[in-house]
Amino acid sequence: MFTPDISQLSLPAELDAALAQTNPQAYGELLWQSLENIGYHLPNANSHLQICSDDPKIQHLAWETLAHPQHGYLAHSLNLNISRALPKTATTFKPARNSPVQILLFNTQVKQRLGLEQEQQALQHLFAAYPATVRFVVNYDGRFSKFCELLQQQTWDLVIFSGHALAATSPCLLFESEHQPFEAVSTTQLQNLFKQASVQCLILAACQSAHASNSQPSLTQTLAASVPHVIGMRESILDRASQVFVENFCAEIVRGANIGDAVQQARLAMQHLLTQGVVWRDKYHRPCAVPNAMQWSFPVLYSDNPQTRLLEKSDLIIETTPPALFIGRRRELRELHALLAQQQVIILEGGAGMGKTALLQQLWRDLHSAQQQSFVLNNLQQISKLTEIKKKVLCVIEAEHCVDSVDKLWAALNTLHNPELSLMISTRNHKKINAEFFPCYRLTAPSFEDFVSYGESLGLYYSTVQYRLLYQTTGGNFNLFKLLQTQTLPTDRASFLKQLAVVRRYLQALQRDS
């Protein structure tokens, strides 16, 4: 690792002009020229370049865009890893774990909608292949109070914050709030939190979380004084680019790569945002030829020791089937988790197509990832097999299809002699299963934004007006998408109206059958 003495660094005046014109090639070449002037040259083999300074003007520079006049962007090659460091940091470094590495994904859904569910699904699928070495926890609360609670509960090897940041006069992260659009948490509040917490590596997957000015450090730089390794996004970044970075970084970490190499591999992956056969579309659903045009600067890594590993290399991999994509229902998940802590029996009621089964399956996955023992039951015969259940949760899917009454089901559960057992039951009408004495949680229609996001995740790119009509016609019924996946996208208003008529007849048939 090479850390040049940049105290004598002289910056060319043209840098500001290149930045103003968003010309990364010219900007990177000017930075490279500055390093050459103090004696730095291309390494012959793999090397790690570390920029160490407490000068805000130096840290403000986009070092990740370093470009050689002949060899191009250095960050586009595995030959050179680029990181930053603060002088005399008080952070401590721990050896790589042999026991399960503790990973927390904390995401917030404020302002414009982010594709958090897709990111979560990809990480769950990735970590499921390493059950003996990774404990992965996902949070749906989104509030700062919950973030504080989780960080103070235990030591975390990796914390991923996925959401929004502001880099105005006072940098901050945005958290969900019950009574206002969002809660802006200042740098000072976050700094105090991480001083008290024990976090080895932090990813701030939020636009401009590493953006600094000539006089003010970035949020990423500030937190680097308390966390040994911090990664942030210097500029605005596409949702897909951020997800690709996080997924590839995590994949390298669980394979035993050090943090510097994992960051570099993830940076390289950001240049290839699309898989074969996928078409990139902008926010107006128009095909876009250059999906990564927005992020001209790669994510920033602050680390005194980028060769640190969070996990020793492991050859143990178990192939698993990826879970179904689950979108939205964040408030409902929070409330159901809270109810389960208070009640033994909960009835989840909702019309056909409202997503009851998917919600219960997601709740099951949450409990499973938190290392709680949970089961999905479809008939009474399965209960007798669960002879070693302790304080855990049972989820019964579509109860009216497998039992005559809750009383009969509860009597069967009592044969297990476990007073701490909890039960959730999904039904379209709680009166059909004689459940007047149990709390009933009524599942209403999904939000329009979640309805659209789920449709687009299936590749159904209707216009906003068309989606609004589909949503109003069906009341947000997810069964609609089974039909739309068999149809051709309408090309004009007349063909869409015909399709809308087909949708009405389809839902009427479903209602008769149910």
Protein backbone atom coordinates (compact mmCIF):
# COMPACT_ATOMS: atom_id res chain seq x y z
CA MET A 1 0.00 0.00 0.00
CA PHE A 2 1.40 3.39 -1.00
CA THR A 3 0.46 6.57 0.88
CA PRO A 4 2.13 9.54 -0.86
CA ASP A 5 3.08 12.65 1.06
CA ILE A 6 0.49 15.05 -0.32
CA SER A 7 1.45 17.96 1.92
CA GLN A 8 3.32 19.40 -1.11
CA LEU A 9 0.46 18.71 -3.53
CA SER A 10 -0.19 21.58 -5.93
CA LEU A 11 -3.60 21.48 -7.59
CA PRO A 12 -4.03 22.93 -11.10
CA ALA A 13 -6.56 25.72 -11.53
CA GLU A 14 -8.30 23.77 -14.34
CA LEU A 15 -9.71 21.28 -11.84
CA ASP A 16 -12.70 23.43 -10.97
CA ALA A 17 -13.55 23.91 -14.64
CA ALA A 18 -13.41 20.15 -15.30
CA LEU A 19 -15.67 19.55 -12.30
CA ALA A 20 -18.14 22.21 -13.41
CA GLN A 21 -18.32 20.62 -16.88
CA THR A 22 -18.69 17.11 -15.35
CA ASN A 23 -15.73 15.97 -17.44
CA PRO A 24 -14.31 13.03 -15.47
CA GLN A 25 -11.61 12.23 -18.04
CA ALA A 26 -10.07 15.71 -17.86
CA TYR A 27 -10.57 15.86 -14.10
CA GLY A 28 -8.88 12.50 -13.54
CA GLU A 29 -5.91 13.36 -15.76
CA LEU A 30 -5.35 16.62 -13.89
CA LEU A 31 -5.36 14.73 -10.58
CA TRP A 32 -2.89 12.21 -11.97
CA GLN A 33 -0.63 15.03 -13.14
CA SER A 34 -0.67 16.43 -9.58
CA LEU A 35 0.45 13.08 -8.16
CA GLU A 36 3.20 12.71 -10.76
CA ASN A 37 4.49 16.15 -9.79
CA ILE A 38 5.20 14.85 -6.26
CA GLY A 39 6.85 11.65 -7.52
CA TYR A 40 4.07 9.07 -7.77
CA HIS A 41 4.16 6.71 -10.79
CA LEU A 42 2.19 3.69 -12.01
CA PRO A 43 3.00 0.55 -10.01
CA ASN A 44 4.35 -2.53 -11.77
CA ALA A 45 1.99 -4.88 -9.94
CA ASN A 46 -1.21 -4.71 -7.93
CA SER A 47 -1.04 -1.77 -5.54
CA HIS A 48 -3.22 0.21 -3.19
CA LEU A 49 -3.09 3.99 -3.30
CA GLN A 50 -4.18 5.65 -0.07
CA ILE A 51 -4.92 9.38 0.21
CA CYS A 52 -4.34 10.45 3.79
CA SER A 53 -5.18 14.01 4.82
CA ASP A 54 -7.36 15.99 7.20
CA ASP A 55 -7.54 18.91 4.76
CA PRO A 56 -11.19 19.26 3.53
CA LYS A 57 -9.94 20.55 0.17
CA ILE A 58 -7.92 17.36 -0.39
CA GLN A 59 -10.73 15.06 0.76
CA HIS A 60 -13.21 16.93 -1.44
CA LEU A 61 -11.33 15.86 -4.58
CA ALA A 62 -12.74 12.94 -6.59
CA TRP A 63 -9.68 10.70 -6.29
CA GLU A 64 -11.66 7.73 -7.55
CA THR A 65 -11.65 9.28 -11.04
CA LEU A 66 -7.84 9.18 -11.38
CA ALA A 67 -7.02 8.82 -15.09
CA HIS A 68 -3.69 8.23 -16.83
CA PRO A 69 -3.23 9.96 -20.23
CA GLN A 70 -2.43 6.61 -21.91
CA HIS A 71 -3.96 3.98 -19.64
CA GLY A 72 -7.30 5.67 -18.90
CA TYR A 73 -9.20 5.39 -15.63
CA LEU A 74 -7.07 3.64 -13.03
CA ALA A 75 -10.11 2.70 -10.95
CA HIS A 76 -11.41 0.69 -13.93
CA SER A 77 -8.56 -1.76 -13.43
CA LEU A 78 -7.74 -4.28 -10.72
CA ASN A 79 -4.14 -3.07 -10.76
CA LEU A 80 -4.88 -0.13 -8.50
CA ASN A 81 -7.22 0.14 -5.52
CA ILE A 82 -7.93 3.64 -4.24
CA SER A 83 -8.92 4.49 -0.66
CA ARG A 84 -8.74 7.39 1.76
CA ALA A 85 -7.71 7.70 5.38
CA LEU A 86 -7.70 10.25 8.17
CA PRO A 87 -4.47 10.87 10.11
CA LYS A 88 -4.35 9.59 13.70
CA THR A 89 -7.75 7.89 13.72
CA ALA A 90 -8.75 6.14 16.91
CA THR A 91 -10.62 3.27 15.26
CA THR A 92 -9.74 -0.31 16.15
CA PHE A 93 -9.33 -3.22 13.78
CA LYS A 94 -10.51 -6.72 14.56
CA PRO A 95 -9.28 -9.98 13.05
CA ALA A 96 -11.49 -11.72 10.49
CA ARG A 97 -14.19 -13.91 11.99
CA ASN A 98 -14.28 -17.67 11.89
CA SER A 99 -17.70 -17.61 13.54
CA PRO A 100 -20.80 -16.15 11.77
CA VAL A 101 -20.26 -12.62 10.53
CA GLN A 102 -23.04 -10.28 11.71
CA ILE A 103 -24.61 -8.23 8.88
CA LEU A 104 -27.45 -5.71 9.21
CA LEU A 105 -29.41 -4.24 6.29
CA PHE A 106 -31.26 -1.13 7.46
CA ASN A 107 -33.31 0.55 4.76
CA THR A 108 -35.56 3.60 4.73
CA GLN A 109 -38.28 4.47 2.24
CA VAL A 110 -38.71 8.27 2.12
CA LYS A 111 -38.95 10.85 -0.67
CA GLN A 112 -38.94 9.07 -4.05
CA ARG A 113 -39.35 5.30 -3.97
CA LEU A 114 -36.25 3.12 -3.95
CA GLY A 115 -36.03 -0.50 -5.10
CA LEU A 116 -35.22 -1.74 -1.62
CA GLU A 117 -37.06 -5.03 -1.99
CA GLN A 118 -34.92 -6.07 -4.97
CA GLU A 119 -31.75 -5.32 -3.02
CA GLN A 120 -33.00 -7.24 -0.01
CA GLN A 121 -33.99 -10.24 -2.13
CA ALA A 122 -30.58 -10.40 -3.81
CA LEU A 123 -28.74 -10.26 -0.47
CA GLN A 124 -30.99 -12.87 1.14
CA HIS A 125 -30.30 -15.20 -1.77
CA LEU A 126 -26.56 -14.52 -1.56
CA PHE A 127 -26.22 -15.05 2.19
CA ALA A 128 -28.47 -18.13 2.19
CA ALA A 129 -25.59 -19.94 0.48
CA TYR A 130 -23.43 -19.33 3.59
CA PRO A 131 -25.70 -20.33 6.50
CA ALA A 132 -22.82 -21.35 8.76
CA THR A 133 -20.79 -18.18 8.27
CA VAL A 134 -23.31 -15.33 7.88
CA ARG A 135 -26.11 -14.07 10.09
CA PHE A 136 -28.12 -11.60 8.03
CA VAL A 137 -30.71 -9.33 9.68
CA VAL A 138 -33.15 -7.15 7.71
CA ASN A 139 -35.08 -4.31 9.31
CA TYR A 140 -38.41 -2.83 8.18
CA ASP A 141 -38.87 -0.16 10.81
CA GLY A 142 -36.97 2.64 9.05
CA ARG A 143 -37.00 5.00 12.03
CA PHE A 144 -33.90 6.45 13.65
CA SER A 145 -34.97 5.19 17.08
CA LYS A 146 -34.96 1.62 15.71
CA PHE A 147 -31.56 2.18 14.07
CA CYS A 148 -30.14 3.25 17.45
CA GLU A 149 -31.70 0.25 19.16
CA LEU A 150 -30.23 -2.23 16.67
CA LEU A 151 -26.73 -0.74 16.71
CA GLN A 152 -26.62 -0.80 20.50
CA GLN A 153 -27.87 -4.39 20.79
CA GLN A 154 -24.69 -6.11 19.63
CA THR A 155 -21.46 -5.90 17.65
CA TRP A 156 -21.99 -5.66 13.88
CA ASP A 157 -19.34 -6.63 11.35
CA LEU A 158 -21.17 -4.92 8.48
CA VAL A 159 -24.01 -2.39 8.55
CA ILE A 160 -25.64 -1.38 5.26
CA PHE A 161 -27.75 1.81 5.34
CA SER A 162 -29.83 1.95 2.17
CA GLY A 163 -31.87 5.11 1.68
CA HIS A 164 -31.50 8.85 1.24
CA ALA A 165 -28.97 11.46 2.36
CA LEU A 166 -28.78 15.23 2.04
CA ALA A 167 -25.47 16.98 1.39
CA ALA A 168 -26.52 20.59 1.72
CA THR A 169 -25.02 23.00 4.27
CA SER A 170 -25.54 20.35 6.96
CA PRO A 171 -25.16 16.72 5.75
CA CYS A 172 -27.70 14.27 7.17
CA LEU A 173 -29.43 10.92 6.64
CA LEU A 174 -33.20 10.67 6.20
CA PHE A 175 -35.21 8.22 8.29
CA GLU A 176 -38.88 7.29 8.28
CA SER A 177 -41.26 9.09 10.61
CA GLU A 178 -44.79 8.30 11.77
CA HIS A 179 -45.97 11.90 11.87
CA GLN A 180 -44.00 13.73 9.16
CA PRO A 181 -42.60 12.92 5.70
CA PHE A 182 -39.19 12.05 7.16
CA GLU A 183 -36.79 12.71 10.03
CA ALA A 184 -33.47 14.33 9.10
CA VAL A 185 -30.72 13.10 11.42
CA SER A 186 -27.67 15.33 11.56
CA THR A 187 -24.01 14.40 11.30
CA THR A 188 -23.54 15.15 14.99
CA GLN A 189 -26.33 12.77 16.03
CA LEU A 190 -24.92 10.02 13.81
CA GLN A 191 -21.40 10.61 15.05
CA ASN A 192 -22.53 10.27 18.69
CA LEU A 193 -24.41 7.07 17.81
CA PHE A 194 -21.46 5.37 16.13
CA LYS A 195 -19.07 6.41 18.90
CA GLN A 196 -21.19 4.34 21.29
CA ALA A 197 -21.87 1.47 18.86
CA SER A 198 -19.52 -1.32 17.78
CA VAL A 199 -19.51 -1.45 13.96
CA GLN A 200 -16.57 -2.74 11.93
CA CYS A 201 -17.68 -1.69 8.43
CA LEU A 202 -20.42 0.72 7.30
CA ILE A 203 -21.89 1.23 3.83
CA LEU A 204 -23.90 4.41 3.29
CA ALA A 205 -25.78 3.47 0.13
CA ALA A 206 -27.31 6.91 -0.27
CA CYS A 207 -26.72 9.65 -2.82
CA GLN A 208 -24.02 12.19 -1.85
CA SER A 209 -23.34 10.53 1.51
CA ALA A 210 -19.61 11.04 0.74
CA HIS A 211 -19.99 14.49 -0.81
CA ALA A 212 -17.81 17.14 0.81
CA SER A 213 -17.02 20.78 0.19
CA ASN A 214 -13.78 22.75 0.40
CA SER A 215 -14.64 23.73 3.95
CA GLN A 216 -16.86 20.94 5.29
CA PRO A 217 -16.16 17.19 5.55
CA SER A 218 -18.59 14.66 4.18
CA LEU A 219 -20.78 12.46 6.36
CA THR A 220 -18.67 9.46 5.33
CA GLN A 221 -15.45 11.19 6.38
CA THR A 222 -16.91 12.26 9.72
CA LEU A 223 -18.07 8.74 10.61
CA ALA A 224 -14.67 7.33 9.59
CA ALA A 225 -13.35 8.70 12.88
CA SER A 226 -15.57 6.17 14.73
CA VAL A 227 -15.91 3.26 12.28
CA PRO A 228 -12.79 1.47 10.93
CA HIS A 229 -14.13 1.15 7.36
CA VAL A 230 -16.76 3.46 5.86
CA ILE A 231 -18.02 3.47 2.27
CA GLY A 232 -20.16 6.27 0.84
CA MET A 233 -21.44 7.63 -2.47
CA ARG A 234 -19.76 10.88 -3.52
CA GLU A 235 -22.35 11.90 -6.13
CA SER A 236 -25.93 11.10 -7.05
CA ILE A 237 -26.18 7.46 -8.01
CA LEU A 238 -28.75 5.32 -9.80
CA ASP A 239 -30.69 2.92 -7.58
CA ARG A 240 -29.56 -0.01 -9.71
CA ALA A 241 -25.91 1.07 -9.54
CA SER A 242 -26.05 1.29 -5.75
CA GLN A 243 -27.63 -2.17 -5.53
CA VAL A 244 -25.02 -3.67 -7.86
CA PHE A 245 -22.24 -2.18 -5.74
CA VAL A 246 -23.67 -3.48 -2.44
CA GLU A 247 -24.41 -6.95 -3.84
CA ASN A 248 -20.96 -7.40 -5.34
CA PHE A 249 -19.19 -6.00 -2.28
CA CYS A 250 -21.06 -8.46 -0.02
CA ALA A 251 -20.36 -11.34 -2.42
CA GLU A 252 -16.62 -10.64 -2.24
CA ILE A 253 -16.65 -10.25 1.57
CA VAL A 254 -18.31 -13.62 2.21
CA ARG A 255 -15.81 -15.25 -0.15
CA GLY A 256 -13.00 -14.00 2.06
CA ALA A 257 -11.78 -10.94 0.11
CA ASN A 258 -10.31 -7.99 1.99
CA ILE A 259 -12.29 -4.76 2.12
CA GLY A 260 -10.15 -2.87 -0.41
CA ASP A 261 -10.39 -5.62 -3.02
CA ALA A 262 -14.12 -6.06 -2.36
CA VAL A 263 -14.71 -2.35 -2.95
CA GLN A 264 -12.71 -2.41 -6.18
CA GLN A 265 -14.55 -5.46 -7.53
CA ALA A 266 -17.86 -3.79 -6.70
CA ARG A 267 -16.77 -0.58 -8.44
CA LEU A 268 -15.94 -2.57 -11.57
CA ALA A 269 -19.33 -4.29 -11.44
CA MET A 270 -21.03 -0.89 -11.52
CA GLN A 271 -19.89 -0.51 -15.13
CA HIS A 272 -22.13 -3.44 -16.11
CA LEU A 273 -25.53 -2.67 -14.65
CA LEU A 274 -27.60 -4.83 -16.97
CA THR A 275 -27.83 -8.57 -17.36
CA GLN A 276 -28.27 -10.14 -20.77
CA GLY A 277 -31.66 -9.48 -22.31
CA VAL A 278 -32.55 -6.67 -19.88
CA VAL A 279 -33.40 -3.22 -21.25
CA TRP A 280 -32.55 -0.17 -19.14
CA ARG A 281 -35.37 2.40 -18.89
CA ASP A 282 -35.45 5.91 -17.49
CA LYS A 283 -38.13 7.23 -15.12
CA TYR A 284 -40.45 7.76 -18.11
CA HIS A 285 -40.02 4.07 -19.08
CA ARG A 286 -38.08 4.98 -22.23
CA PRO A 287 -35.17 2.74 -23.28
CA CYS A 288 -31.85 4.27 -22.19
CA ALA A 289 -28.60 3.44 -23.98
CA VAL A 290 -26.18 4.57 -21.22
CA PRO A 291 -27.62 3.57 -17.83
CA ASN A 292 -24.57 4.58 -15.79
CA ALA A 293 -24.24 8.08 -17.22
CA MET A 294 -25.14 9.66 -13.88
CA GLN A 295 -22.39 8.28 -11.65
CA TRP A 296 -19.17 9.70 -12.99
CA SER A 297 -17.48 9.15 -9.63
CA PHE A 298 -17.09 5.77 -7.92
CA PRO A 299 -18.00 5.11 -4.25
CA VAL A 300 -15.50 6.34 -1.66
CA LEU A 301 -13.72 4.08 0.85
CA TYR A 302 -12.28 5.43 4.10
CA SER A 303 -10.03 2.87 5.78
CA ASP A 304 -6.67 2.88 7.54
CA ASN A 305 -6.22 -0.77 6.68
CA PRO A 306 -8.04 -1.82 3.47
CA GLN A 307 -6.40 -5.28 3.64
CA THR A 308 -8.69 -6.14 6.59
CA ARG A 309 -11.00 -9.14 6.10
CA LEU A 310 -14.38 -9.37 7.80
CA LEU A 311 -14.60 -13.11 7.22
CA GLU A 312 -12.05 -15.81 6.60
CA LYS A 313 -12.33 -17.53 3.23
CA SER A 314 -14.84 -20.39 3.33
CA ASP A 315 -15.51 -23.17 0.86
CA LEU A 316 -18.86 -24.05 2.46
CA ILE A 317 -21.66 -23.10 0.06
CA ILE A 318 -25.23 -24.43 0.13
CA GLU A 319 -27.38 -23.89 -2.94
CA THR A 320 -30.81 -22.48 -2.11
CA THR A 321 -33.87 -21.30 -3.98
CA PRO A 322 -34.23 -17.50 -3.91
CA PRO A 323 -37.30 -16.19 -2.06
CA ALA A 324 -40.16 -14.59 -3.95
CA LEU A 325 -39.90 -10.82 -4.33
CA PHE A 326 -41.84 -8.98 -1.64
CA ILE A 327 -42.51 -5.25 -2.10
CA GLY A 328 -43.88 -2.69 0.34
CA ARG A 329 -46.07 -3.31 3.45
CA ARG A 330 -43.37 -1.85 5.72
CA ARG A 331 -45.86 -0.39 8.22
CA GLU A 332 -47.86 -3.64 8.28
CA LEU A 333 -44.73 -5.69 8.98
CA ARG A 334 -43.77 -3.39 11.85
CA GLU A 335 -47.25 -3.63 13.38
CA LEU A 336 -47.48 -7.41 13.00
CA HIS A 337 -44.08 -7.88 14.63
CA ALA A 338 -45.30 -5.76 17.54
CA LEU A 339 -48.58 -7.69 17.81
CA LEU A 340 -46.78 -11.03 17.84
CA ALA A 341 -44.85 -9.88 20.87
CA GLN A 342 -48.14 -9.30 22.74
CA GLN A 343 -50.70 -11.85 21.45
CA GLN A 344 -50.78 -15.63 21.11
CA VAL A 345 -53.33 -15.69 18.29
CA ILE A 346 -53.70 -13.10 15.53
CA ILE A 347 -56.12 -13.24 12.61
CA LEU A 348 -54.86 -11.63 9.40
CA GLU A 349 -57.93 -10.74 7.35
CA GLY A 350 -58.02 -9.39 3.81
CA GLY A 351 -59.70 -9.86 0.46
CA ALA A 352 -58.40 -12.14 -2.25
CA GLY A 353 -55.36 -10.65 -3.97
CA MET A 354 -54.43 -8.25 -1.14
CA GLY A 355 -51.18 -10.16 -0.49
CA LYS A 356 -51.98 -11.97 2.79
CA THR A 357 -50.01 -15.08 1.93
CA ALA A 358 -47.02 -13.09 0.68
CA LEU A 359 -47.07 -10.96 3.84
CA LEU A 360 -47.08 -14.01 6.10
CA GLN A 361 -44.30 -15.62 4.11
CA GLN A 362 -42.21 -12.47 4.45
CA LEU A 363 -42.93 -12.38 8.17
CA TRP A 364 -41.76 -15.99 8.36
CA ARG A 365 -38.52 -15.11 6.56
CA ASP A 366 -37.92 -12.22 8.97
CA LEU A 367 -38.29 -14.48 11.98
CA HIS A 368 -36.14 -17.12 10.35
CA SER A 369 -33.36 -14.59 9.60
CA ALA A 370 -33.51 -13.47 13.24
CA GLN A 371 -32.82 -17.11 14.20
CA GLN A 372 -36.30 -17.72 15.55
CA GLN A 373 -37.94 -21.05 14.85
CA SER A 374 -41.04 -20.59 12.70
CA PHE A 375 -43.25 -22.88 10.66
CA VAL A 376 -45.84 -22.70 7.90
CA LEU A 377 -48.73 -25.13 8.48
CA ASN A 378 -51.46 -26.11 6.03
CA ASN A 379 -53.26 -28.84 7.98
CA LEU A 380 -53.78 -30.12 11.50
CA GLN A 381 -51.87 -33.35 10.85
CA GLN A 382 -48.61 -31.39 10.62
CA ILE A 383 -48.96 -30.05 14.17
CA SER A 384 -48.38 -33.43 15.84
CA LYS A 385 -44.92 -33.57 14.22
CA LEU A 386 -43.76 -30.39 15.98
CA THR A 387 -42.92 -31.98 19.30
CA GLU A 388 -39.87 -29.89 20.14
CA ILE A 389 -41.23 -26.39 19.57
CA LYS A 390 -40.17 -23.77 22.07
CA LYS A 391 -41.13 -20.08 22.10
CA LYS A 392 -41.66 -19.56 18.38
CA VAL A 393 -44.29 -18.59 15.80
CA LEU A 394 -46.60 -20.70 13.65
CA CYS A 395 -48.04 -19.26 10.43
CA VAL A 396 -51.13 -20.97 9.00
CA ILE A 397 -51.77 -20.02 5.37
CA GLU A 398 -55.41 -19.66 4.19
CA ALA A 399 -56.85 -21.18 7.35
CA GLU A 400 -60.39 -21.66 5.98
CA HIS A 401 -59.01 -24.15 3.47
CA CYS A 402 -57.63 -26.51 6.13
CA VAL A 403 -59.59 -26.07 9.40
CA ASP A 404 -63.20 -25.69 10.44
CA SER A 405 -62.58 -23.33 13.32
CA VAL A 406 -59.86 -21.61 15.27
CA ASP A 407 -61.07 -23.41 18.39
CA LYS A 408 -60.32 -26.78 16.78
CA LEU A 409 -56.90 -25.59 15.66
CA TRP A 410 -56.01 -24.09 19.02
CA ALA A 411 -57.06 -27.29 20.80
CA ALA A 412 -54.62 -29.19 18.59
CA LEU A 413 -51.84 -26.74 19.38
CA ASN A 414 -52.47 -27.07 23.10
CA THR A 415 -51.61 -30.75 22.88
CA LEU A 416 -48.00 -29.59 22.50
CA HIS A 417 -48.14 -28.19 26.07
CA ASN A 418 -46.41 -24.96 25.08
CA PRO A 419 -48.06 -21.85 26.61
CA GLU A 420 -45.55 -19.61 24.81
CA LEU A 421 -46.58 -20.73 21.33
CA SER A 422 -47.95 -18.01 19.01
CA LEU A 423 -50.18 -18.42 15.98
CA MET A 424 -51.02 -16.29 12.94
CA ILE A 425 -53.95 -17.20 10.72
CA SER A 426 -54.71 -15.86 7.26
CA THR A 427 -58.34 -15.62 6.17
CA ARG A 428 -60.60 -13.68 3.82
CA ASN A 429 -63.34 -13.48 6.45
CA HIS A 430 -62.59 -14.05 10.13
CA LYS A 431 -66.25 -14.87 10.86
CA LYS A 432 -65.96 -18.02 8.74
CA ILE A 433 -63.51 -19.49 11.24
CA ASN A 434 -65.34 -18.40 14.40
CA ALA A 435 -62.60 -16.06 15.54
CA GLU A 436 -64.59 -13.38 17.36
CA PHE A 437 -62.43 -13.61 20.50
CA PHE A 438 -59.06 -13.11 18.82
CA PRO A 439 -57.46 -9.86 17.60
CA CYS A 440 -58.06 -9.28 13.91
CA TYR A 441 -55.57 -7.37 11.77
CA ARG A 442 -57.30 -6.18 8.59
CA LEU A 443 -55.08 -5.89 5.54
CA THR A 444 -56.18 -3.04 3.27
CA ALA A 445 -55.18 -2.29 -0.31
CA PRO A 446 -51.48 -1.66 -1.01
CA SER A 447 -50.30 1.86 -1.76
CA PHE A 448 -50.33 2.93 -5.39
CA GLU A 449 -46.54 3.28 -5.36
CA ASP A 450 -46.04 -0.29 -4.13
CA PHE A 451 -48.60 -1.56 -6.66
CA VAL A 452 -46.68 0.10 -9.50
CA SER A 453 -43.29 -1.02 -8.18
CA TYR A 454 -44.42 -4.66 -8.06
CA GLY A 455 -45.76 -4.48 -11.61
CA GLU A 456 -42.54 -2.96 -12.91
CA SER A 457 -40.49 -5.63 -11.11
CA LEU A 458 -42.33 -8.11 -13.37
CA GLY A 459 -41.39 -6.09 -16.47
CA LEU A 460 -44.86 -4.52 -16.92
CA TYR A 461 -44.02 -0.95 -17.96
CA TYR A 462 -47.37 0.81 -18.21
CA SER A 463 -47.63 4.59 -18.03
CA THR A 464 -48.52 6.23 -14.73
CA VAL A 465 -52.02 7.05 -16.00
CA GLN A 466 -52.58 3.44 -17.11
CA TYR A 467 -51.36 2.12 -13.78
CA ARG A 468 -53.67 4.52 -11.98
CA LEU A 469 -56.68 3.17 -13.90
CA LEU A 470 -55.64 -0.43 -13.24
CA TYR A 471 -55.20 0.34 -9.55
CA GLN A 472 -58.60 2.06 -9.25
CA THR A 473 -60.37 -0.68 -11.22
CA THR A 474 -58.96 -3.54 -9.14
CA GLY A 475 -58.58 -1.86 -5.78
CA GLY A 476 -54.89 -2.76 -5.82
CA ASN A 477 -55.53 -6.48 -6.33
CA PHE A 478 -52.23 -8.30 -6.94
CA ASN A 479 -54.03 -11.15 -8.76
CA LEU A 480 -54.21 -8.73 -11.66
CA PHE A 481 -50.54 -9.32 -12.49
CA LYS A 482 -51.12 -13.02 -13.20
CA LEU A 483 -53.33 -11.91 -16.09
CA LEU A 484 -51.17 -9.02 -17.30
CA GLN A 485 -48.12 -11.26 -17.59
CA THR A 486 -49.99 -13.24 -20.26
CA GLN A 487 -50.97 -10.12 -22.20
CA THR A 488 -49.14 -7.85 -24.65
CA LEU A 489 -48.47 -4.29 -23.49
CA PRO A 490 -51.02 -1.97 -25.16
CA THR A 491 -49.67 0.39 -27.80
CA ASP A 492 -52.51 2.92 -27.82
CA ARG A 493 -55.51 4.08 -25.78
CA ALA A 494 -58.01 1.83 -27.55
CA SER A 495 -56.01 -1.35 -26.95
CA PHE A 496 -55.50 -0.38 -23.30
CA LEU A 497 -59.24 0.13 -22.76
CA LYS A 498 -59.89 -3.31 -24.24
CA GLN A 499 -57.35 -4.78 -21.86
CA LEU A 500 -58.99 -2.94 -18.95
CA ALA A 501 -62.33 -4.58 -19.86
CA VAL A 502 -60.63 -7.99 -19.81
CA VAL A 503 -59.21 -7.18 -16.38
CA ARG A 504 -62.69 -6.41 -15.02
CA ARG A 505 -64.11 -9.72 -16.28
CA TYR A 506 -61.09 -11.60 -14.89
CA LEU A 507 -61.50 -10.17 -11.39
CA GLN A 508 -65.26 -10.80 -11.42
CA ALA A 509 -64.55 -14.45 -12.20
CA LEU A 510 -62.03 -14.65 -9.35
CA GLN A 511 -64.55 -13.18 -6.92
CA ARG A 512 -67.19 -15.73 -7.94
CA ASP A 513 -64.74 -18.60 -7.45
CA SER A 514 -63.73 -17.39 -4.01
